[in-house]
Structure formats: C-alpha cells, structure tokens
Amino acid sequence: MGLLDIVIVILIIAWLGGFSMHIGGGLIHLLLVIAVIVLVVRFLS
C-alpha cells in the first residue's frame, strides 16, 4: 500500500468512527468527501 492508500483508509475509518459516535458533525462528512475524491482521482490517473 502506498501512502495515499493509507490516508484514504484512515479517512474512511475516521468517518465511520465519527458517524457511529455522532461526533465531529460536518467535519466527519468532509473527511469522507475528501477520501472519495482522492480515490476517484487515483483510479482515473
């Protein structure tokens, strides 16, 4: 796994943790959006 893959996994885990514990509010969803965008850019390039 590259560094980018590790960052994506961490962002998704942080989103799932924040979503299940109802903490962070909009920041947690922002992290998920960033992770998805990076993942899509990685697949397209």
C-alpha atoms as a PDB file:
ATOM      1  CA  MET A   1       0.000   0.000   0.000  1.00  0.00           C
ATOM      2  CA  GLY A   2       1.180   3.464  -0.840  1.00  0.00           C
ATOM      3  CA  LEU A   3       0.943   6.480   1.392  1.00  0.00           C
ATOM      4  CA  LEU A   4      -2.167   7.697  -0.424  1.00  0.00           C
ATOM      5  CA  ASP A   5      -3.930   4.373   0.190  1.00  0.00           C
ATOM      6  CA  ILE A   6      -3.136   4.592   3.894  1.00  0.00           C
ATOM      7  CA  VAL A   7      -4.504   8.152   4.068  1.00  0.00           C
ATOM      8  CA  ILE A   8      -7.727   7.044   2.336  1.00  0.00           C
ATOM      9  CA  VAL A   9      -8.188   4.147   4.752  1.00  0.00           C
ATOM     10  CA  ILE A  10      -7.566   6.416   7.764  1.00  0.00           C
ATOM     11  CA  LEU A  11     -10.086   8.983   6.491  1.00  0.00           C
ATOM     12  CA  ILE A  12     -12.753   6.323   5.932  1.00  0.00           C
ATOM     13  CA  ILE A  13     -12.147   4.773   9.369  1.00  0.00           C
ATOM     14  CA  ALA A  14     -12.300   8.237  10.985  1.00  0.00           C
ATOM     15  CA  TRP A  15     -15.572   8.913   9.159  1.00  0.00           C
ATOM     16  CA  LEU A  16     -17.098   5.604  10.251  1.00  0.00           C
ATOM     17  CA  GLY A  17     -15.961   6.155  13.844  1.00  0.00           C
ATOM     18  CA  GLY A  18     -17.282   9.701  13.931  1.00  0.00           C
ATOM     19  CA  PHE A  19     -20.549   8.720  12.287  1.00  0.00           C
ATOM     20  CA  SER A  20     -21.211   5.900  14.764  1.00  0.00           C
ATOM     21  CA  MET A  21     -20.338   8.071  17.792  1.00  0.00           C
ATOM     22  CA  HIS A  22     -22.084  11.235  16.465  1.00  0.00           C
ATOM     23  CA  ILE A  23     -19.038  13.447  16.947  1.00  0.00           C
ATOM     24  CA  GLY A  24     -17.414  15.941  14.622  1.00  0.00           C
ATOM     25  CA  GLY A  25     -20.523  16.971  12.711  1.00  0.00           C
ATOM     26  CA  GLY A  26     -19.773  18.280   9.244  1.00  0.00           C
ATOM     27  CA  LEU A  27     -16.036  17.695   9.566  1.00  0.00           C
ATOM     28  CA  ILE A  28     -16.508  13.933   9.513  1.00  0.00           C
ATOM     29  CA  HIS A  29     -18.524  14.106   6.287  1.00  0.00           C
ATOM     30  CA  LEU A  30     -15.939  16.448   4.793  1.00  0.00           C
ATOM     31  CA  LEU A  31     -13.263  13.824   5.503  1.00  0.00           C
ATOM     32  CA  LEU A  32     -15.307  11.215   3.658  1.00  0.00           C
ATOM     33  CA  VAL A  33     -15.795  13.501   0.655  1.00  0.00           C
ATOM     34  CA  ILE A  34     -12.039  14.169   0.523  1.00  0.00           C
ATOM     35  CA  ALA A  35     -11.296  10.436   0.725  1.00  0.00           C
ATOM     36  CA  VAL A  36     -13.740   9.637  -2.086  1.00  0.00           C
ATOM     37  CA  ILE A  37     -12.367  12.409  -4.321  1.00  0.00           C
ATOM     38  CA  VAL A  38      -8.786  11.221  -3.797  1.00  0.00           C
ATOM     39  CA  LEU A  39      -9.831   7.630  -4.502  1.00  0.00           C
ATOM     40  CA  VAL A  40     -11.581   8.613  -7.754  1.00  0.00           C
ATOM     41  CA  VAL A  41      -8.622  10.712  -8.904  1.00  0.00           C
ATOM     42  CA  ARG A  42      -6.281   7.809  -8.152  1.00  0.00           C
ATOM     43  CA  PHE A  43      -8.390   5.362 -10.212  1.00  0.00           C
ATOM     44  CA  LEU A  44      -8.655   7.777 -13.152  1.00  0.00           C
ATOM     45  CA  SER A  45      -4.926   8.513 -13.301  1.00  0.00           C
END
